[in-house]
Amino acid sequence: NDIWEYHNTSYNLGLGKGHTHLDLKSKEGDLAFRMHLNIGLP
């Protein structure tokens, strides 16, 4: 809400046995970024 020109961020969770990851990506507006996070569960 209230961020520059409307700025879409994708949030994708990959679930697998022994390997879970989280991807965040935005490619619009003034700030473009991509993050790939390897996380453990719990």
PDB file of all heavy atoms in Angstrom:
ATOM      1  N   ASN A   1       0.837  -1.197   0.000  1.00  0.00           N
ATOM      2  CA  ASN A   1       0.000   0.000   0.000  1.00  0.00           C
ATOM      3  C   ASN A   1       0.872   1.247   0.000  1.00  0.00           C
ATOM      4  O   ASN A   1       1.868   1.321   0.713  1.00  0.00           O
ATOM      5  CB  ASN A   1      -0.895  -0.006   1.246  1.00  0.00           C
ATOM      6  CG  ASN A   1      -2.080   0.915   1.099  1.00  0.00           C
ATOM      7  OD1 ASN A   1      -2.436   1.308  -0.004  1.00  0.00           O
ATOM      8  ND2 ASN A   1      -2.689   1.265   2.213  1.00  0.00           N
ATOM      9  N   ASP A   2       0.496   2.229  -0.815  1.00  0.00           N
ATOM     10  CA  ASP A   2       1.166   3.531  -0.840  1.00  0.00           C
ATOM     11  C   ASP A   2       2.643   3.428  -1.186  1.00  0.00           C
ATOM     12  O   ASP A   2       3.486   4.103  -0.586  1.00  0.00           O
ATOM     13  CB  ASP A   2       1.020   4.243   0.519  1.00  0.00           C
ATOM     14  CG  ASP A   2      -0.438   4.489   0.848  1.00  0.00           C
ATOM     15  OD1 ASP A   2      -1.216   4.702  -0.095  1.00  0.00           O
ATOM     16  OD2 ASP A   2      -0.793   4.458   2.031  1.00  0.00           O
ATOM     17  N   ILE A   3       3.001   2.581  -2.113  1.00  0.00           N
ATOM     18  CA  ILE A   3       4.386   2.449  -2.530  1.00  0.00           C
ATOM     19  C   ILE A   3       4.529   2.866  -3.981  1.00  0.00           C
ATOM     20  O   ILE A   3       4.135   2.160  -4.887  1.00  0.00           O
ATOM     21  CB  ILE A   3       4.905   1.004  -2.352  1.00  0.00           C
ATOM     22  CG1 ILE A   3       4.779   0.596  -0.895  1.00  0.00           C
ATOM     23  CG2 ILE A   3       6.347   0.879  -2.803  1.00  0.00           C
ATOM     24  CD1 ILE A   3       5.583   1.433   0.068  1.00  0.00           C
ATOM     25  N   TRP A   4       5.109   4.002  -4.227  1.00  0.00           N
ATOM     26  CA  TRP A   4       5.433   4.507  -5.553  1.00  0.00           C
ATOM     27  C   TRP A   4       4.359   4.146  -6.567  1.00  0.00           C
ATOM     28  O   TRP A   4       3.166   4.159  -6.310  1.00  0.00           O
ATOM     29  CB  TRP A   4       6.791   3.987  -6.027  1.00  0.00           C
ATOM     30  CG  TRP A   4       7.845   4.034  -4.990  1.00  0.00           C
ATOM     31  CD1 TRP A   4       8.173   5.094  -4.201  1.00  0.00           C
ATOM     32  CD2 TRP A   4       8.715   2.973  -4.598  1.00  0.00           C
ATOM     33  NE1 TRP A   4       9.184   4.768  -3.361  1.00  0.00           N
ATOM     34  CE2 TRP A   4       9.546   3.476  -3.578  1.00  0.00           C
ATOM     35  CE3 TRP A   4       8.884   1.663  -5.020  1.00  0.00           C
ATOM     36  CZ2 TRP A   4      10.529   2.718  -2.975  1.00  0.00           C
ATOM     37  CZ3 TRP A   4       9.861   0.910  -4.414  1.00  0.00           C
ATOM     38  CH2 TRP A   4      10.661   1.435  -3.408  1.00  0.00           C
ATOM     39  N   GLU A   5       4.821   3.775  -7.765  1.00  0.00           N
ATOM     40  CA  GLU A   5       3.933   3.178  -8.737  1.00  0.00           C
ATOM     41  C   GLU A   5       3.687   1.749  -8.265  1.00  0.00           C
ATOM     42  O   GLU A   5       4.529   1.165  -7.601  1.00  0.00           O
ATOM     43  CB  GLU A   5       4.603   3.193 -10.114  1.00  0.00           C
ATOM     44  CG  GLU A   5       4.844   4.613 -10.586  1.00  0.00           C
ATOM     45  CD  GLU A   5       5.935   4.703 -11.638  1.00  0.00           C
ATOM     46  OE1 GLU A   5       6.629   3.703 -11.843  1.00  0.00           O
ATOM     47  OE2 GLU A   5       6.077   5.784 -12.228  1.00  0.00           O
ATOM     48  N   TYR A   6       2.524   1.214  -8.602  1.00  0.00           N
ATOM     49  CA  TYR A   6       2.185  -0.064  -7.990  1.00  0.00           C
ATOM     50  C   TYR A   6       3.286  -1.081  -8.253  1.00  0.00           C
ATOM     51  O   TYR A   6       3.772  -1.241  -9.340  1.00  0.00           O
ATOM     52  CB  TYR A   6       0.799  -0.563  -8.423  1.00  0.00           C
ATOM     53  CG  TYR A   6       0.610  -0.901  -9.865  1.00  0.00           C
ATOM     54  CD1 TYR A   6       0.970  -2.145 -10.351  1.00  0.00           C
ATOM     55  CD2 TYR A   6       0.031   0.018 -10.739  1.00  0.00           C
ATOM     56  CE1 TYR A   6       0.764  -2.480 -11.671  1.00  0.00           C
ATOM     57  CE2 TYR A   6      -0.185  -0.308 -12.063  1.00  0.00           C
ATOM     58  CZ  TYR A   6       0.180  -1.556 -12.525  1.00  0.00           C
ATOM     59  OH  TYR A   6      -0.029  -1.880 -13.833  1.00  0.00           O
ATOM     60  N   HIS A   7       3.692  -1.737  -7.200  1.00  0.00           N
ATOM     61  CA  HIS A   7       4.922  -2.503  -7.159  1.00  0.00           C
ATOM     62  C   HIS A   7       4.582  -3.927  -6.762  1.00  0.00           C
ATOM     63  O   HIS A   7       4.222  -4.189  -5.624  1.00  0.00           O
ATOM     64  CB  HIS A   7       5.849  -1.866  -6.124  1.00  0.00           C
ATOM     65  CG  HIS A   7       7.301  -2.043  -6.407  1.00  0.00           C
ATOM     66  ND1 HIS A   7       7.899  -3.265  -6.485  1.00  0.00           N
ATOM     67  CD2 HIS A   7       8.273  -1.133  -6.630  1.00  0.00           C
ATOM     68  CE1 HIS A   7       9.200  -3.104  -6.732  1.00  0.00           C
ATOM     69  NE2 HIS A   7       9.443  -1.823  -6.825  1.00  0.00           N
ATOM     70  N   ASN A   8       4.656  -4.869  -7.678  1.00  0.00           N
ATOM     71  CA  ASN A   8       4.291  -6.251  -7.401  1.00  0.00           C
ATOM     72  C   ASN A   8       5.485  -7.034  -6.880  1.00  0.00           C
ATOM     73  O   ASN A   8       6.575  -6.971  -7.444  1.00  0.00           O
ATOM     74  CB  ASN A   8       3.758  -6.932  -8.661  1.00  0.00           C
ATOM     75  CG  ASN A   8       2.430  -6.357  -9.106  1.00  0.00           C
ATOM     76  OD1 ASN A   8       1.654  -5.904  -8.286  1.00  0.00           O
ATOM     77  ND2 ASN A   8       2.188  -6.369 -10.399  1.00  0.00           N
ATOM     78  N   THR A   9       5.263  -7.779  -5.826  1.00  0.00           N
ATOM     79  CA  THR A   9       6.284  -8.655  -5.268  1.00  0.00           C
ATOM     80  C   THR A   9       5.755 -10.079  -5.255  1.00  0.00           C
ATOM     81  O   THR A   9       4.662 -10.336  -4.747  1.00  0.00           O
ATOM     82  CB  THR A   9       6.651  -8.243  -3.830  1.00  0.00           C
ATOM     83  OG1 THR A   9       7.045  -6.874  -3.813  1.00  0.00           O
ATOM     84  CG2 THR A   9       7.792  -9.104  -3.311  1.00  0.00           C
ATOM     85  N   SER A  10       6.510 -10.997  -5.820  1.00  0.00           N
ATOM     86  CA  SER A  10       6.100 -12.410  -5.791  1.00  0.00           C
ATOM     87  C   SER A  10       6.800 -13.109  -4.638  1.00  0.00           C
ATOM     88  O   SER A  10       7.956 -12.831  -4.314  1.00  0.00           O
ATOM     89  CB  SER A  10       6.426 -13.101  -7.115  1.00  0.00           C
ATOM     90  OG  SER A  10       7.823 -13.120  -7.344  1.00  0.00           O
ATOM     91  N   TYR A  11       6.073 -14.013  -4.002  1.00  0.00           N
ATOM     92  CA  TYR A  11       6.520 -14.730  -2.812  1.00  0.00           C
ATOM     93  C   TYR A  11       6.204 -16.190  -3.059  1.00  0.00           C
ATOM     94  O   TYR A  11       5.037 -16.581  -3.106  1.00  0.00           O
ATOM     95  CB  TYR A  11       5.754 -14.179  -1.612  1.00  0.00           C
ATOM     96  CG  TYR A  11       6.062 -14.775  -0.260  1.00  0.00           C
ATOM     97  CD1 TYR A  11       6.885 -14.101   0.632  1.00  0.00           C
ATOM     98  CD2 TYR A  11       5.504 -15.976   0.153  1.00  0.00           C
ATOM     99  CE1 TYR A  11       7.139 -14.615   1.896  1.00  0.00           C
ATOM    100  CE2 TYR A  11       5.755 -16.499   1.408  1.00  0.00           C
ATOM    101  CZ  TYR A  11       6.566 -15.808   2.274  1.00  0.00           C
ATOM    102  OH  TYR A  11       6.822 -16.316   3.525  1.00  0.00           O
ATOM    103  N   ASN A  12       7.226 -16.999  -3.273  1.00  0.00           N
ATOM    104  CA  ASN A  12       7.026 -18.393  -3.659  1.00  0.00           C
ATOM    105  C   ASN A  12       7.780 -19.325  -2.722  1.00  0.00           C
ATOM    106  O   ASN A  12       8.990 -19.178  -2.511  1.00  0.00           O
ATOM    107  CB  ASN A  12       7.494 -18.617  -5.104  1.00  0.00           C
ATOM    108  CG  ASN A  12       6.596 -17.914  -6.106  1.00  0.00           C
ATOM    109  OD1 ASN A  12       5.491 -18.348  -6.381  1.00  0.00           O
ATOM    110  ND2 ASN A  12       7.071 -16.795  -6.644  1.00  0.00           N
ATOM    111  N   LEU A  13       7.045 -20.281  -2.185  1.00  0.00           N
ATOM    112  CA  LEU A  13       7.597 -21.250  -1.251  1.00  0.00           C
ATOM    113  C   LEU A  13       7.733 -22.588  -1.953  1.00  0.00           C
ATOM    114  O   LEU A  13       6.784 -23.111  -2.528  1.00  0.00           O
ATOM    115  CB  LEU A  13       6.660 -21.383  -0.047  1.00  0.00           C
ATOM    116  CG  LEU A  13       7.033 -22.406   1.024  1.00  0.00           C
ATOM    117  CD1 LEU A  13       8.308 -22.004   1.741  1.00  0.00           C
ATOM    118  CD2 LEU A  13       5.877 -22.553   2.029  1.00  0.00           C
ATOM    119  N   GLY A  14       8.948 -23.136  -1.921  1.00  0.00           N
ATOM    120  CA  GLY A  14       9.197 -24.457  -2.481  1.00  0.00           C
ATOM    121  C   GLY A  14       9.388 -25.455  -1.361  1.00  0.00           C
ATOM    122  O   GLY A  14      10.320 -25.327  -0.551  1.00  0.00           O
ATOM    123  N   LEU A  15       8.512 -26.441  -1.286  1.00  0.00           N
ATOM    124  CA  LEU A  15       8.545 -27.415  -0.196  1.00  0.00           C
ATOM    125  C   LEU A  15       9.009 -28.763  -0.717  1.00  0.00           C
ATOM    126  O   LEU A  15       8.451 -29.293  -1.690  1.00  0.00           O
ATOM    127  CB  LEU A  15       7.152 -27.566   0.420  1.00  0.00           C
ATOM    128  CG  LEU A  15       6.566 -26.336   1.116  1.00  0.00           C
ATOM    129  CD1 LEU A  15       5.092 -26.562   1.427  1.00  0.00           C
ATOM    130  CD2 LEU A  15       7.332 -26.028   2.398  1.00  0.00           C
ATOM    131  N   GLY A  16      10.040 -29.297  -0.087  1.00  0.00           N
ATOM    132  CA  GLY A  16      10.533 -30.611  -0.461  1.00  0.00           C
ATOM    133  C   GLY A  16      11.202 -31.274   0.725  1.00  0.00           C
ATOM    134  O   GLY A  16      11.610 -30.605   1.678  1.00  0.00           O
ATOM    135  N   LYS A  17      11.324 -32.577   0.680  1.00  0.00           N
ATOM    136  CA  LYS A  17      11.969 -33.290   1.784  1.00  0.00           C
ATOM    137  C   LYS A  17      13.454 -32.976   1.796  1.00  0.00           C
ATOM    138  O   LYS A  17      14.168 -33.265   0.845  1.00  0.00           O
ATOM    139  CB  LYS A  17      11.721 -34.794   1.652  1.00  0.00           C
ATOM    140  CG  LYS A  17      10.267 -35.173   1.928  1.00  0.00           C
ATOM    141  CD  LYS A  17      10.090 -36.670   2.084  1.00  0.00           C
ATOM    142  CE  LYS A  17       8.678 -36.999   2.553  1.00  0.00           C
ATOM    143  NZ  LYS A  17       8.472 -38.447   2.737  1.00  0.00           N
ATOM    144  N   GLY A  18      13.905 -32.372   2.873  1.00  0.00           N
ATOM    145  CA  GLY A  18      15.319 -32.047   3.014  1.00  0.00           C
ATOM    146  C   GLY A  18      15.728 -30.751   2.338  1.00  0.00           C
ATOM    147  O   GLY A  18      16.875 -30.335   2.435  1.00  0.00           O
ATOM    148  N   HIS A  19      14.814 -30.087   1.642  1.00  0.00           N
ATOM    149  CA  HIS A  19      15.196 -28.862   0.935  1.00  0.00           C
ATOM    150  C   HIS A  19      13.960 -27.973   0.761  1.00  0.00           C
ATOM    151  O   HIS A  19      13.069 -28.273  -0.030  1.00  0.00           O
ATOM    152  CB  HIS A  19      15.789 -29.187  -0.436  1.00  0.00           C
ATOM    153  CG  HIS A  19      16.247 -27.973  -1.181  1.00  0.00           C
ATOM    154  ND1 HIS A  19      16.405 -27.948  -2.551  1.00  0.00           N
ATOM    155  CD2 HIS A  19      16.560 -26.732  -0.748  1.00  0.00           C
ATOM    156  CE1 HIS A  19      16.809 -26.745  -2.924  1.00  0.00           C
ATOM    157  NE2 HIS A  19      16.912 -25.998  -1.842  1.00  0.00           N
ATOM    158  N   THR A  20      13.921 -26.911   1.510  1.00  0.00           N
ATOM    159  CA  THR A  20      12.832 -25.940   1.396  1.00  0.00           C
ATOM    160  C   THR A  20      13.442 -24.588   1.089  1.00  0.00           C
ATOM    161  O   THR A  20      14.477 -24.214   1.650  1.00  0.00           O
ATOM    162  CB  THR A  20      12.020 -25.872   2.704  1.00  0.00           C
ATOM    163  OG1 THR A  20      11.401 -27.136   2.929  1.00  0.00           O
ATOM    164  CG2 THR A  20      10.955 -24.796   2.644  1.00  0.00           C
ATOM    165  N   HIS A  21      12.827 -23.856   0.180  1.00  0.00           N
ATOM    166  CA  HIS A  21      13.359 -22.536  -0.159  1.00  0.00           C
ATOM    167  C   HIS A  21      12.234 -21.534  -0.329  1.00  0.00           C
ATOM    168  O   HIS A  21      11.065 -21.889  -0.517  1.00  0.00           O
ATOM    169  CB  HIS A  21      14.207 -22.590  -1.439  1.00  0.00           C
ATOM    170  CG  HIS A  21      13.398 -22.807  -2.686  1.00  0.00           C
ATOM    171  ND1 HIS A  21      13.179 -24.057  -3.220  1.00  0.00           N
ATOM    172  CD2 HIS A  21      12.748 -21.935  -3.496  1.00  0.00           C
ATOM    173  CE1 HIS A  21      12.433 -23.956  -4.299  1.00  0.00           C
ATOM    174  NE2 HIS A  21      12.151 -22.677  -4.510  1.00  0.00           N
ATOM    175  N   LEU A  22      12.611 -20.273  -0.240  1.00  0.00           N
ATOM    176  CA  LEU A  22      11.682 -19.170  -0.389  1.00  0.00           C
ATOM    177  C   LEU A  22      12.267 -18.196  -1.393  1.00  0.00           C
ATOM    178  O   LEU A  22      13.422 -17.783  -1.271  1.00  0.00           O
ATOM    179  CB  LEU A  22      11.474 -18.480   0.960  1.00  0.00           C
ATOM    180  CG  LEU A  22      10.439 -17.374   1.064  1.00  0.00           C
ATOM    181  CD1 LEU A  22       9.050 -17.910   0.749  1.00  0.00           C
ATOM    182  CD2 LEU A  22      10.459 -16.789   2.478  1.00  0.00           C
ATOM    183  N   ASP A  23      11.486 -17.853  -2.416  1.00  0.00           N
ATOM    184  CA  ASP A  23      11.915 -16.885  -3.430  1.00  0.00           C
ATOM    185  C   ASP A  23      11.058 -15.637  -3.342  1.00  0.00           C
ATOM    186  O   ASP A  23       9.822 -15.734  -3.311  1.00  0.00           O
ATOM    187  CB  ASP A  23      11.776 -17.473  -4.846  1.00  0.00           C
ATOM    188  CG  ASP A  23      12.872 -18.480  -5.161  1.00  0.00           C
ATOM    189  OD1 ASP A  23      14.040 -18.116  -5.015  1.00  0.00           O
ATOM    190  OD2 ASP A  23      12.541 -19.613  -5.537  1.00  0.00           O
ATOM    191  N   LEU A  24      11.703 -14.480  -3.308  1.00  0.00           N
ATOM    192  CA  LEU A  24      11.009 -13.206  -3.403  1.00  0.00           C
ATOM    193  C   LEU A  24      11.567 -12.462  -4.601  1.00  0.00           C
ATOM    194  O   LEU A  24      12.786 -12.421  -4.807  1.00  0.00           O
ATOM    195  CB  LEU A  24      11.196 -12.357  -2.144  1.00  0.00           C
ATOM    196  CG  LEU A  24      10.465 -12.846  -0.895  1.00  0.00           C
ATOM    197  CD1 LEU A  24      11.385 -13.721  -0.072  1.00  0.00           C
ATOM    198  CD2 LEU A  24       9.993 -11.656  -0.072  1.00  0.00           C
ATOM    199  N   LYS A  25      10.680 -11.862  -5.374  1.00  0.00           N
ATOM    200  CA  LYS A  25      11.133 -11.194  -6.585  1.00  0.00           C
ATOM    201  C   LYS A  25      10.235 -10.013  -6.892  1.00  0.00           C
ATOM    202  O   LYS A  25       9.017 -10.098  -6.790  1.00  0.00           O
ATOM    203  CB  LYS A  25      11.134 -12.178  -7.761  1.00  0.00           C
ATOM    204  CG  LYS A  25      11.599 -11.573  -9.090  1.00  0.00           C
ATOM    205  CD  LYS A  25      11.755 -12.641 -10.160  1.00  0.00           C
ATOM    206  CE  LYS A  25      10.446 -13.294 -10.508  1.00  0.00           C
ATOM    207  NZ  LYS A  25      10.568 -14.242 -11.638  1.00  0.00           N
ATOM    208  N   SER A  26      10.866  -8.914  -7.276  1.00  0.00           N
ATOM    209  CA  SER A  26      10.126  -7.765  -7.776  1.00  0.00           C
ATOM    210  C   SER A  26      10.890  -7.216  -8.969  1.00  0.00           C
ATOM    211  O   SER A  26      12.108  -7.059  -8.915  1.00  0.00           O
ATOM    212  CB  SER A  26       9.980  -6.686  -6.698  1.00  0.00           C
ATOM    213  OG  SER A  26       9.278  -5.578  -7.223  1.00  0.00           O
ATOM    214  N   LYS A  27      10.190  -6.941 -10.041  1.00  0.00           N
ATOM    215  CA  LYS A  27      10.869  -6.454 -11.233  1.00  0.00           C
ATOM    216  C   LYS A  27      10.210  -5.191 -11.783  1.00  0.00           C
ATOM    217  O   LYS A  27      10.424  -4.819 -12.915  1.00  0.00           O
ATOM    218  CB  LYS A  27      10.892  -7.532 -12.309  1.00  0.00           C
ATOM    219  CG  LYS A  27       9.526  -8.061 -12.726  1.00  0.00           C
ATOM    220  CD  LYS A  27       9.664  -9.172 -13.754  1.00  0.00           C
ATOM    221  CE  LYS A  27       8.299  -9.712 -14.172  1.00  0.00           C
ATOM    222  NZ  LYS A  27       8.403 -10.794 -15.166  1.00  0.00           N
ATOM    223  N   GLU A  28       9.400  -4.539 -10.953  1.00  0.00           N
ATOM    224  CA  GLU A  28       8.721  -3.333 -11.395  1.00  0.00           C
ATOM    225  C   GLU A  28       9.172  -2.136 -10.572  1.00  0.00           C
ATOM    226  O   GLU A  28       9.688  -2.272  -9.474  1.00  0.00           O
ATOM    227  CB  GLU A  28       7.204  -3.496 -11.263  1.00  0.00           C
ATOM    228  CG  GLU A  28       6.647  -4.604 -12.136  1.00  0.00           C
ATOM    229  CD  GLU A  28       5.132  -4.667 -12.032  1.00  0.00           C
ATOM    230  OE1 GLU A  28       4.483  -3.683 -12.385  1.00  0.00           O
ATOM    231  OE2 GLU A  28       4.629  -5.693 -11.587  1.00  0.00           O
ATOM    232  N   GLY A  29       8.939  -0.957 -11.100  1.00  0.00           N
ATOM    233  CA  GLY A  29       9.218   0.256 -10.355  1.00  0.00           C
ATOM    234  C   GLY A  29      10.700   0.555 -10.250  1.00  0.00           C
ATOM    235  O   GLY A  29      11.527   0.033 -10.998  1.00  0.00           O
ATOM    236  N   ASP A  30      11.048   1.395  -9.279  1.00  0.00           N
ATOM    237  CA  ASP A  30      12.420   1.856  -9.133  1.00  0.00           C
ATOM    238  C   ASP A  30      13.331   0.815  -8.495  1.00  0.00           C
ATOM    239  O   ASP A  30      14.548   0.919  -8.579  1.00  0.00           O
ATOM    240  CB  ASP A  30      12.451   3.127  -8.272  1.00  0.00           C
ATOM    241  CG  ASP A  30      11.694   4.269  -8.921  1.00  0.00           C
ATOM    242  OD1 ASP A  30      11.584   4.255 -10.160  1.00  0.00           O
ATOM    243  OD2 ASP A  30      11.208   5.148  -8.200  1.00  0.00           O
ATOM    244  N   LEU A  31      12.748  -0.146  -7.809  1.00  0.00           N
ATOM    245  CA  LEU A  31      13.551  -1.116  -7.076  1.00  0.00           C
ATOM    246  C   LEU A  31      13.276  -2.511  -7.604  1.00  0.00           C
ATOM    247  O   LEU A  31      12.188  -3.051  -7.440  1.00  0.00           O
ATOM    248  CB  LEU A  31      13.218  -1.057  -5.584  1.00  0.00           C
ATOM    249  CG  LEU A  31      13.988  -2.028  -4.702  1.00  0.00           C
ATOM    250  CD1 LEU A  31      15.470  -1.721  -4.716  1.00  0.00           C
ATOM    251  CD2 LEU A  31      13.455  -1.983  -3.286  1.00  0.00           C
ATOM    252  N   ALA A  32      14.254  -3.103  -8.251  1.00  0.00           N
ATOM    253  CA  ALA A  32      14.128  -4.474  -8.737  1.00  0.00           C
ATOM    254  C   ALA A  32      15.048  -5.357  -7.916  1.00  0.00           C
ATOM    255  O   ALA A  32      16.199  -5.009  -7.675  1.00  0.00           O
ATOM    256  CB  ALA A  32      14.499  -4.548 -10.215  1.00  0.00           C
ATOM    257  N   PHE A  33      14.539  -6.477  -7.454  1.00  0.00           N
ATOM    258  CA  PHE A  33      15.387  -7.363  -6.659  1.00  0.00           C
ATOM    259  C   PHE A  33      14.908  -8.793  -6.802  1.00  0.00           C
ATOM    260  O   PHE A  33      13.780  -9.069  -7.212  1.00  0.00           O
ATOM    261  CB  PHE A  33      15.385  -6.957  -5.175  1.00  0.00           C
ATOM    262  CG  PHE A  33      14.038  -7.077  -4.510  1.00  0.00           C
ATOM    263  CD1 PHE A  33      13.612  -8.277  -3.978  1.00  0.00           C
ATOM    264  CD2 PHE A  33      13.198  -5.980  -4.420  1.00  0.00           C
ATOM    265  CE1 PHE A  33      12.375  -8.391  -3.373  1.00  0.00           C
ATOM    266  CE2 PHE A  33      11.964  -6.081  -3.814  1.00  0.00           C
ATOM    267  CZ  PHE A  33      11.553  -7.286  -3.283  1.00  0.00           C
ATOM    268  N   ARG A  34      15.807  -9.694  -6.455  1.00  0.00           N
ATOM    269  CA  ARG A  34      15.451 -11.109  -6.403  1.00  0.00           C
ATOM    270  C   ARG A  34      16.208 -11.739  -5.251  1.00  0.00           C
ATOM    271  O   ARG A  34      17.417 -11.517  -5.094  1.00  0.00           O
ATOM    272  CB  ARG A  34      15.807 -11.811  -7.716  1.00  0.00           C
ATOM    273  CG  ARG A  34      15.452 -13.289  -7.703  1.00  0.00           C
ATOM    274  CD  ARG A  34      15.617 -13.915  -9.064  1.00  0.00           C
ATOM    275  NE  ARG A  34      15.214 -15.308  -9.051  1.00  0.00           N
ATOM    276  CZ  ARG A  34      15.133 -16.067 -10.132  1.00  0.00           C
ATOM    277  NH1 ARG A  34      15.431 -15.567 -11.308  1.00  0.00           N
ATOM    278  NH2 ARG A  34      14.761 -17.322 -10.035  1.00  0.00           N
ATOM    279  N   MET A  35      15.510 -12.508  -4.435  1.00  0.00           N
ATOM    280  CA  MET A  35      16.131 -13.164  -3.286  1.00  0.00           C
ATOM    281  C   MET A  35      15.779 -14.637  -3.309  1.00  0.00           C
ATOM    282  O   MET A  35      14.630 -15.006  -3.557  1.00  0.00           O
ATOM    283  CB  MET A  35      15.626 -12.542  -1.976  1.00  0.00           C
ATOM    284  CG  MET A  35      15.997 -11.096  -1.795  1.00  0.00           C
ATOM    285  SD  MET A  35      15.022 -10.294  -0.495  1.00  0.00           S
ATOM    286  CE  MET A  35      15.087 -11.498   0.807  1.00  0.00           C
ATOM    287  N   HIS A  36      16.767 -15.471  -3.084  1.00  0.00           N
ATOM    288  CA  HIS A  36      16.547 -16.913  -2.970  1.00  0.00           C
ATOM    289  C   HIS A  36      17.038 -17.333  -1.595  1.00  0.00           C
ATOM    290  O   HIS A  36      18.229 -17.218  -1.295  1.00  0.00           O
ATOM    291  CB  HIS A  36      17.300 -17.671  -4.063  1.00  0.00           C
ATOM    292  CG  HIS A  36      17.116 -19.161  -3.991  1.00  0.00           C
ATOM    293  ND1 HIS A  36      16.015 -19.793  -4.536  1.00  0.00           N
ATOM    294  CD2 HIS A  36      17.882 -20.127  -3.428  1.00  0.00           C
ATOM    295  CE1 HIS A  36      16.119 -21.096  -4.307  1.00  0.00           C
ATOM    296  NE2 HIS A  36      17.236 -21.313  -3.647  1.00  0.00           N
ATOM    297  N   LEU A  37      16.131 -17.792  -0.740  1.00  0.00           N
ATOM    298  CA  LEU A  37      16.465 -18.120   0.634  1.00  0.00           C
ATOM    299  C   LEU A  37      16.329 -19.615   0.856  1.00  0.00           C
ATOM    300  O   LEU A  37      15.249 -20.179   0.668  1.00  0.00           O
ATOM    301  CB  LEU A  37      15.531 -17.381   1.598  1.00  0.00           C
ATOM    302  CG  LEU A  37      15.264 -15.906   1.317  1.00  0.00           C
ATOM    303  CD1 LEU A  37      14.230 -15.365   2.291  1.00  0.00           C
ATOM    304  CD2 LEU A  37      16.546 -15.103   1.408  1.00  0.00           C
ATOM    305  N   ASN A  38      17.413 -20.267   1.221  1.00  0.00           N
ATOM    306  CA  ASN A  38      17.353 -21.670   1.614  1.00  0.00           C
ATOM    307  C   ASN A  38      17.036 -21.718   3.102  1.00  0.00           C
ATOM    308  O   ASN A  38      17.772 -21.161   3.914  1.00  0.00           O
ATOM    309  CB  ASN A  38      18.679 -22.368   1.338  1.00  0.00           C
ATOM    310  CG  ASN A  38      18.945 -22.484  -0.148  1.00  0.00           C
ATOM    311  OD1 ASN A  38      18.071 -22.855  -0.907  1.00  0.00           O
ATOM    312  ND2 ASN A  38      20.164 -22.147  -0.562  1.00  0.00           N
ATOM    313  N   ILE A  39      15.954 -22.358   3.454  1.00  0.00           N
ATOM    314  CA  ILE A  39      15.543 -22.365   4.853  1.00  0.00           C
ATOM    315  C   ILE A  39      15.319 -23.788   5.313  1.00  0.00           C
ATOM    316  O   ILE A  39      15.077 -24.695   4.517  1.00  0.00           O
ATOM    317  CB  ILE A  39      14.254 -21.548   5.071  1.00  0.00           C
ATOM    318  CG1 ILE A  39      13.097 -22.122   4.253  1.00  0.00           C
ATOM    319  CG2 ILE A  39      14.465 -20.087   4.731  1.00  0.00           C
ATOM    320  CD1 ILE A  39      11.785 -21.401   4.465  1.00  0.00           C
ATOM    321  N   GLY A  40      15.415 -23.959   6.610  1.00  0.00           N
ATOM    322  CA  GLY A  40      15.135 -25.259   7.201  1.00  0.00           C
ATOM    323  C   GLY A  40      13.796 -25.227   7.915  1.00  0.00           C
ATOM    324  O   GLY A  40      13.362 -24.189   8.399  1.00  0.00           O
ATOM    325  N   LEU A  41      13.136 -26.362   7.963  1.00  0.00           N
ATOM    326  CA  LEU A  41      11.893 -26.489   8.717  1.00  0.00           C
ATOM    327  C   LEU A  41      12.104 -27.476   9.852  1.00  0.00           C
ATOM    328  O   LEU A  41      12.682 -28.539   9.647  1.00  0.00           O
ATOM    329  CB  LEU A  41      10.758 -26.979   7.813  1.00  0.00           C
ATOM    330  CG  LEU A  41      10.271 -26.011   6.735  1.00  0.00           C
ATOM    331  CD1 LEU A  41       9.186 -26.671   5.885  1.00  0.00           C
ATOM    332  CD2 LEU A  41       9.738 -24.729   7.341  1.00  0.00           C
ATOM    333  N   PRO A  42      11.670 -27.144  11.059  1.00  0.00           N
ATOM    334  CA  PRO A  42      11.016 -25.905  11.451  1.00  0.00           C
ATOM    335  C   PRO A  42      11.949 -24.695  11.302  1.00  0.00           C
ATOM    336  O   PRO A  42      13.142 -24.811  11.574  1.00  0.00           O
ATOM    337  CB  PRO A  42      10.646 -26.131  12.911  1.00  0.00           C
ATOM    338  CG  PRO A  42      10.733 -27.596  13.135  1.00  0.00           C
ATOM    339  CD  PRO A  42      11.780 -28.086  12.196  1.00  0.00           C
TER     340      PRO A  42
END
